[in-house]
Amino acid sequence: MRVYQLSLFASDVSWRDAGTLRDEERTQSLADQLYRAVGPIGSNVAEGYSRGTGQDRARFYEYALGSARKSRDWYFKGRFVLGEDAAQHRLSFMTEIIRLLLTIIPQQRGGESREPDLPYDASDEQVEDLLENVPLAS
Protein backbone atom coordinates (compact mmCIF):
# COMPACT_ATOMS: atom_id res chain seq x y z
CA MET A 1 0.00 0.00 0.00
CA ARG A 2 1.64 3.22 -1.20
CA VAL A 3 0.34 5.39 1.63
CA TYR A 4 1.89 2.99 4.16
CA GLN A 5 5.27 3.12 2.43
CA LEU A 6 5.15 6.91 2.39
CA SER A 7 4.17 7.05 6.05
CA LEU A 8 7.16 4.89 7.01
CA PHE A 9 9.42 7.24 5.08
CA ALA A 10 7.77 10.21 6.82
CA SER A 11 8.57 8.63 10.19
CA ASP A 12 12.23 8.31 9.26
CA VAL A 13 12.47 11.89 8.02
CA SER A 14 10.56 13.30 10.99
CA TRP A 15 13.00 11.62 13.37
CA ARG A 16 15.80 13.79 12.04
CA ASP A 17 13.59 16.87 11.76
CA ALA A 18 12.48 16.48 15.38
CA GLY A 19 16.14 16.40 16.39
CA THR A 20 16.79 19.65 14.53
CA LEU A 21 13.75 21.29 16.11
CA ARG A 22 14.73 20.01 19.57
CA ASP A 23 18.12 21.74 19.28
CA GLU A 24 16.43 25.15 19.04
CA GLU A 25 15.09 26.17 22.46
CA ARG A 26 11.96 27.82 21.07
CA THR A 27 10.86 24.72 19.18
CA GLN A 28 11.61 21.94 21.66
CA SER A 29 7.95 21.22 22.42
CA LEU A 30 7.13 21.50 18.71
CA ALA A 31 9.68 18.73 18.04
CA ASP A 32 7.85 16.41 20.41
CA GLN A 33 4.45 17.27 18.93
CA LEU A 34 5.71 16.73 15.39
CA TYR A 35 7.17 13.31 16.10
CA ARG A 36 4.05 12.25 18.02
CA ALA A 37 1.86 13.34 15.09
CA VAL A 38 3.84 11.59 12.33
CA GLY A 39 4.28 8.22 14.06
CA PRO A 40 0.60 7.19 14.22
CA ILE A 41 0.03 7.71 10.49
CA GLY A 42 1.69 4.44 9.54
CA SER A 43 0.45 2.63 12.64
CA ASN A 44 -3.17 3.49 11.89
CA VAL A 45 -2.83 2.61 8.21
CA ALA A 46 -1.35 -0.77 9.19
CA GLU A 47 -4.07 -1.44 11.73
CA GLY A 48 -6.81 -0.36 9.35
CA TYR A 49 -5.43 -2.56 6.60
CA SER A 50 -5.76 -5.61 8.85
CA ARG A 51 -9.42 -4.95 9.70
CA GLY A 52 -12.15 -7.11 8.24
CA THR A 53 -14.73 -4.60 7.05
CA GLY A 54 -14.53 -1.46 4.96
CA GLN A 55 -16.20 0.61 7.67
CA ASP A 56 -13.68 -0.57 10.25
CA ARG A 57 -10.73 0.01 7.89
CA ALA A 58 -12.01 3.49 7.05
CA ARG A 59 -12.11 4.43 10.74
CA PHE A 60 -8.38 3.75 11.15
CA TYR A 61 -7.57 5.47 7.86
CA GLU A 62 -9.46 8.51 9.19
CA TYR A 63 -7.28 8.45 12.32
CA ALA A 64 -4.25 8.40 10.02
CA LEU A 65 -5.73 11.32 8.06
CA GLY A 66 -6.08 13.36 11.24
CA SER A 67 -2.47 12.62 12.18
CA ALA A 68 -1.27 13.54 8.69
CA ARG A 69 -3.10 16.87 8.83
CA LYS A 70 -1.70 17.52 12.29
CA SER A 71 1.81 16.65 11.06
CA ARG A 72 1.48 19.07 8.16
CA ASP A 73 0.45 21.76 10.64
CA TRP A 74 3.50 21.11 12.86
CA TYR A 75 5.81 21.15 9.84
CA PHE A 76 4.39 24.52 8.83
CA LYS A 77 5.05 25.87 12.32
CA GLY A 78 8.62 24.54 12.29
CA ARG A 79 9.49 25.99 8.87
CA PHE A 80 11.71 28.78 10.24
CA VAL A 81 14.04 26.32 11.97
CA LEU A 82 13.91 23.53 9.38
CA GLY A 83 14.58 25.89 6.47
CA GLU A 84 12.47 26.72 3.44
CA ASP A 85 13.56 23.79 1.24
CA ALA A 86 13.08 21.15 3.93
CA ALA A 87 9.76 22.64 5.06
CA GLN A 88 8.35 22.81 1.53
CA HIS A 89 9.43 19.22 0.91
CA ARG A 90 7.73 18.01 4.11
CA LEU A 91 4.56 20.02 3.44
CA SER A 92 4.34 18.55 -0.06
CA PHE A 93 5.05 15.07 1.24
CA MET A 94 2.40 15.27 3.95
CA THR A 95 -0.07 16.66 1.41
CA GLU A 96 0.56 13.61 -0.78
CA ILE A 97 -0.16 11.29 2.16
CA ILE A 98 -3.37 13.24 2.84
CA ARG A 99 -4.36 13.02 -0.82
CA LEU A 100 -3.90 9.24 -0.84
CA LEU A 101 -5.91 8.82 2.35
CA LEU A 102 -8.68 11.01 0.96
CA THR A 103 -8.85 8.61 -1.97
CA ILE A 104 -8.81 5.43 0.13
CA ILE A 105 -11.33 6.39 2.83
CA PRO A 106 -14.37 6.86 0.57
CA GLN A 107 -13.56 3.59 -1.21
CA GLN A 108 -13.71 1.79 2.12
CA ARG A 109 -16.61 3.68 3.64
CA GLY A 110 -18.69 4.16 0.54
CA GLY A 111 -18.92 7.89 1.27
CA GLU A 112 -16.80 10.95 0.80
CA SER A 113 -13.92 12.65 2.67
CA ARG A 114 -12.89 16.16 1.80
CA GLU A 115 -9.97 18.54 2.11
CA PRO A 116 -10.91 22.20 1.68
CA ASP A 117 -10.19 23.39 -1.89
CA LEU A 118 -6.50 22.47 -2.03
CA PRO A 119 -4.94 21.26 -5.27
CA TYR A 120 -3.72 17.65 -5.21
CA ASP A 121 -2.27 17.41 -8.67
CA ALA A 122 0.84 15.47 -7.75
CA SER A 123 1.91 13.07 -10.46
CA ASP A 124 3.82 9.87 -9.79
CA GLU A 125 6.95 11.68 -11.01
CA GLN A 126 6.44 14.46 -8.46
CA VAL A 127 6.01 11.93 -5.66
CA GLU A 128 9.15 10.09 -6.75
CA ASP A 129 10.99 13.42 -6.76
CA LEU A 130 9.83 14.03 -3.18
CA LEU A 131 11.30 10.69 -2.17
CA GLU A 132 14.60 11.07 -4.03
CA ASN A 133 15.42 14.73 -3.33
CA VAL A 134 15.09 15.02 0.43
CA PRO A 135 16.51 18.28 1.78
CA LEU A 136 17.67 17.79 5.34
CA ALA A 137 17.36 20.38 8.06
CA SER A 138 20.64 22.04 9.00
C-alpha atoms as a PDB file:
ATOM      1  CA  MET A   1       0.000   0.000   0.000  1.00  0.00           C
ATOM      2  CA  ARG A   2       1.643   3.221  -1.204  1.00  0.00           C
ATOM      3  CA  VAL A   3       0.342   5.391   1.634  1.00  0.00           C
ATOM      4  CA  TYR A   4       1.885   2.995   4.165  1.00  0.00           C
ATOM      5  CA  GLN A   5       5.273   3.123   2.434  1.00  0.00           C
ATOM      6  CA  LEU A   6       5.152   6.914   2.387  1.00  0.00           C
ATOM      7  CA  SER A   7       4.166   7.045   6.054  1.00  0.00           C
ATOM      8  CA  LEU A   8       7.158   4.889   7.006  1.00  0.00           C
ATOM      9  CA  PHE A   9       9.424   7.237   5.081  1.00  0.00           C
ATOM     10  CA  ALA A  10       7.769  10.206   6.817  1.00  0.00           C
ATOM     11  CA  SER A  11       8.570   8.627  10.190  1.00  0.00           C
ATOM     12  CA  ASP A  12      12.232   8.307   9.255  1.00  0.00           C
ATOM     13  CA  VAL A  13      12.471  11.887   8.022  1.00  0.00           C
ATOM     14  CA  SER A  14      10.561  13.304  10.992  1.00  0.00           C
ATOM     15  CA  TRP A  15      13.001  11.615  13.371  1.00  0.00           C
ATOM     16  CA  ARG A  16      15.797  13.788  12.036  1.00  0.00           C
ATOM     17  CA  ASP A  17      13.587  16.872  11.764  1.00  0.00           C
ATOM     18  CA  ALA A  18      12.480  16.483  15.378  1.00  0.00           C
ATOM     19  CA  GLY A  19      16.143  16.404  16.392  1.00  0.00           C
ATOM     20  CA  THR A  20      16.788  19.646  14.535  1.00  0.00           C
ATOM     21  CA  LEU A  21      13.746  21.290  16.115  1.00  0.00           C
ATOM     22  CA  ARG A  22      14.725  20.013  19.567  1.00  0.00           C
ATOM     23  CA  ASP A  23      18.118  21.742  19.277  1.00  0.00           C
ATOM     24  CA  GLU A  24      16.426  25.148  19.044  1.00  0.00           C
ATOM     25  CA  GLU A  25      15.094  26.172  22.460  1.00  0.00           C
ATOM     26  CA  ARG A  26      11.961  27.824  21.074  1.00  0.00           C
ATOM     27  CA  THR A  27      10.859  24.716  19.178  1.00  0.00           C
ATOM     28  CA  GLN A  28      11.606  21.939  21.662  1.00  0.00           C
ATOM     29  CA  SER A  29       7.950  21.219  22.419  1.00  0.00           C
ATOM     30  CA  LEU A  30       7.132  21.498  18.708  1.00  0.00           C
ATOM     31  CA  ALA A  31       9.678  18.731  18.040  1.00  0.00           C
ATOM     32  CA  ASP A  32       7.850  16.407  20.411  1.00  0.00           C
ATOM     33  CA  GLN A  33       4.448  17.268  18.927  1.00  0.00           C
ATOM     34  CA  LEU A  34       5.713  16.727  15.388  1.00  0.00           C
ATOM     35  CA  TYR A  35       7.167  13.313  16.104  1.00  0.00           C
ATOM     36  CA  ARG A  36       4.051  12.253  18.025  1.00  0.00           C
ATOM     37  CA  ALA A  37       1.863  13.336  15.093  1.00  0.00           C
ATOM     38  CA  VAL A  38       3.838  11.590  12.329  1.00  0.00           C
ATOM     39  CA  GLY A  39       4.276   8.224  14.064  1.00  0.00           C
ATOM     40  CA  PRO A  40       0.602   7.195  14.224  1.00  0.00           C
ATOM     41  CA  ILE A  41       0.034   7.715  10.493  1.00  0.00           C
ATOM     42  CA  GLY A  42       1.692   4.442   9.541  1.00  0.00           C
ATOM     43  CA  SER A  43       0.446   2.631  12.643  1.00  0.00           C
ATOM     44  CA  ASN A  44      -3.170   3.486  11.890  1.00  0.00           C
ATOM     45  CA  VAL A  45      -2.829   2.610   8.210  1.00  0.00           C
ATOM     46  CA  ALA A  46      -1.348  -0.766   9.190  1.00  0.00           C
ATOM     47  CA  GLU A  47      -4.068  -1.443  11.733  1.00  0.00           C
ATOM     48  CA  GLY A  48      -6.814  -0.360   9.353  1.00  0.00           C
ATOM     49  CA  TYR A  49      -5.435  -2.564   6.598  1.00  0.00           C
ATOM     50  CA  SER A  50      -5.757  -5.605   8.846  1.00  0.00           C
ATOM     51  CA  ARG A  51      -9.422  -4.950   9.704  1.00  0.00           C
ATOM     52  CA  GLY A  52     -12.153  -7.115   8.242  1.00  0.00           C
ATOM     53  CA  THR A  53     -14.734  -4.603   7.048  1.00  0.00           C
ATOM     54  CA  GLY A  54     -14.535  -1.463   4.956  1.00  0.00           C
ATOM     55  CA  GLN A  55     -16.202   0.606   7.672  1.00  0.00           C
ATOM     56  CA  ASP A  56     -13.675  -0.572  10.247  1.00  0.00           C
ATOM     57  CA  ARG A  57     -10.733   0.011   7.886  1.00  0.00           C
ATOM     58  CA  ALA A  58     -12.013   3.492   7.045  1.00  0.00           C
ATOM     59  CA  ARG A  59     -12.113   4.429  10.735  1.00  0.00           C
ATOM     60  CA  PHE A  60      -8.378   3.752  11.148  1.00  0.00           C
ATOM     61  CA  TYR A  61      -7.571   5.472   7.861  1.00  0.00           C
ATOM     62  CA  GLU A  62      -9.459   8.505   9.187  1.00  0.00           C
ATOM     63  CA  TYR A  63      -7.284   8.447  12.318  1.00  0.00           C
ATOM     64  CA  ALA A  64      -4.248   8.395  10.016  1.00  0.00           C
ATOM     65  CA  LEU A  65      -5.726  11.315   8.056  1.00  0.00           C
ATOM     66  CA  GLY A  66      -6.084  13.358  11.243  1.00  0.00           C
ATOM     67  CA  SER A  67      -2.474  12.616  12.183  1.00  0.00           C
ATOM     68  CA  ALA A  68      -1.267  13.541   8.690  1.00  0.00           C
ATOM     69  CA  ARG A  69      -3.105  16.869   8.831  1.00  0.00           C
ATOM     70  CA  LYS A  70      -1.704  17.519  12.290  1.00  0.00           C
ATOM     71  CA  SER A  71       1.807  16.653  11.057  1.00  0.00           C
ATOM     72  CA  ARG A  72       1.475  19.074   8.160  1.00  0.00           C
ATOM     73  CA  ASP A  73       0.452  21.758  10.644  1.00  0.00           C
ATOM     74  CA  TRP A  74       3.500  21.114  12.857  1.00  0.00           C
ATOM     75  CA  TYR A  75       5.808  21.148   9.841  1.00  0.00           C
ATOM     76  CA  PHE A  76       4.389  24.518   8.829  1.00  0.00           C
ATOM     77  CA  LYS A  77       5.052  25.866  12.321  1.00  0.00           C
ATOM     78  CA  GLY A  78       8.624  24.541  12.286  1.00  0.00           C
ATOM     79  CA  ARG A  79       9.494  25.987   8.875  1.00  0.00           C
ATOM     80  CA  PHE A  80      11.710  28.776  10.236  1.00  0.00           C
ATOM     81  CA  VAL A  81      14.044  26.322  11.968  1.00  0.00           C
ATOM     82  CA  LEU A  82      13.910  23.529   9.376  1.00  0.00           C
ATOM     83  CA  GLY A  83      14.580  25.891   6.474  1.00  0.00           C
ATOM     84  CA  GLU A  84      12.467  26.716   3.438  1.00  0.00           C
ATOM     85  CA  ASP A  85      13.558  23.789   1.235  1.00  0.00           C
ATOM     86  CA  ALA A  86      13.079  21.153   3.928  1.00  0.00           C
ATOM     87  CA  ALA A  87       9.765  22.641   5.061  1.00  0.00           C
ATOM     88  CA  GLN A  88       8.353  22.806   1.532  1.00  0.00           C
ATOM     89  CA  HIS A  89       9.426  19.221   0.906  1.00  0.00           C
ATOM     90  CA  ARG A  90       7.729  18.008   4.113  1.00  0.00           C
ATOM     91  CA  LEU A  91       4.558  20.016   3.445  1.00  0.00           C
ATOM     92  CA  SER A  92       4.342  18.548  -0.060  1.00  0.00           C
ATOM     93  CA  PHE A  93       5.051  15.075   1.243  1.00  0.00           C
ATOM     94  CA  MET A  94       2.397  15.272   3.950  1.00  0.00           C
ATOM     95  CA  THR A  95      -0.071  16.662   1.415  1.00  0.00           C
ATOM     96  CA  GLU A  96       0.559  13.609  -0.778  1.00  0.00           C
ATOM     97  CA  ILE A  97      -0.163  11.289   2.156  1.00  0.00           C
ATOM     98  CA  ILE A  98      -3.368  13.236   2.843  1.00  0.00           C
ATOM     99  CA  ARG A  99      -4.359  13.017  -0.823  1.00  0.00           C
ATOM    100  CA  LEU A 100      -3.899   9.242  -0.836  1.00  0.00           C
ATOM    101  CA  LEU A 101      -5.907   8.816   2.353  1.00  0.00           C
ATOM    102  CA  LEU A 102      -8.681  11.013   0.960  1.00  0.00           C
ATOM    103  CA  THR A 103      -8.852   8.607  -1.970  1.00  0.00           C
ATOM    104  CA  ILE A 104      -8.808   5.428   0.132  1.00  0.00           C
ATOM    105  CA  ILE A 105     -11.327   6.389   2.829  1.00  0.00           C
ATOM    106  CA  PRO A 106     -14.365   6.856   0.565  1.00  0.00           C
ATOM    107  CA  GLN A 107     -13.556   3.591  -1.215  1.00  0.00           C
ATOM    108  CA  GLN A 108     -13.706   1.787   2.123  1.00  0.00           C
ATOM    109  CA  ARG A 109     -16.608   3.684   3.640  1.00  0.00           C
ATOM    110  CA  GLY A 110     -18.691   4.160   0.541  1.00  0.00           C
ATOM    111  CA  GLY A 111     -18.919   7.891   1.274  1.00  0.00           C
ATOM    112  CA  GLU A 112     -16.800  10.953   0.799  1.00  0.00           C
ATOM    113  CA  SER A 113     -13.925  12.647   2.674  1.00  0.00           C
ATOM    114  CA  ARG A 114     -12.893  16.161   1.799  1.00  0.00           C
ATOM    115  CA  GLU A 115      -9.972  18.540   2.106  1.00  0.00           C
ATOM    116  CA  PRO A 116     -10.914  22.203   1.680  1.00  0.00           C
ATOM    117  CA  ASP A 117     -10.191  23.388  -1.885  1.00  0.00           C
ATOM    118  CA  LEU A 118      -6.504  22.474  -2.028  1.00  0.00           C
ATOM    119  CA  PRO A 119      -4.942  21.257  -5.266  1.00  0.00           C
ATOM    120  CA  TYR A 120      -3.720  17.652  -5.214  1.00  0.00           C
ATOM    121  CA  ASP A 121      -2.274  17.412  -8.671  1.00  0.00           C
ATOM    122  CA  ALA A 122       0.845  15.467  -7.745  1.00  0.00           C
ATOM    123  CA  SER A 123       1.915  13.067 -10.459  1.00  0.00           C
ATOM    124  CA  ASP A 124       3.821   9.870  -9.788  1.00  0.00           C
ATOM    125  CA  GLU A 125       6.946  11.676 -11.008  1.00  0.00           C
ATOM    126  CA  GLN A 126       6.435  14.459  -8.464  1.00  0.00           C
ATOM    127  CA  VAL A 127       6.006  11.934  -5.663  1.00  0.00           C
ATOM    128  CA  GLU A 128       9.154  10.086  -6.747  1.00  0.00           C
ATOM    129  CA  ASP A 129      10.994  13.423  -6.760  1.00  0.00           C
ATOM    130  CA  LEU A 130       9.832  14.026  -3.179  1.00  0.00           C
ATOM    131  CA  LEU A 131      11.303  10.688  -2.172  1.00  0.00           C
ATOM    132  CA  GLU A 132      14.596  11.074  -4.028  1.00  0.00           C
ATOM    133  CA  ASN A 133      15.422  14.725  -3.326  1.00  0.00           C
ATOM    134  CA  VAL A 134      15.089  15.022   0.430  1.00  0.00           C
ATOM    135  CA  PRO A 135      16.507  18.284   1.781  1.00  0.00           C
ATOM    136  CA  LEU A 136      17.669  17.789   5.336  1.00  0.00           C
ATOM    137  CA  ALA A 137      17.360  20.381   8.061  1.00  0.00           C
ATOM    138  CA  SER A 138      20.639  22.040   9.005  1.00  0.00           C
END
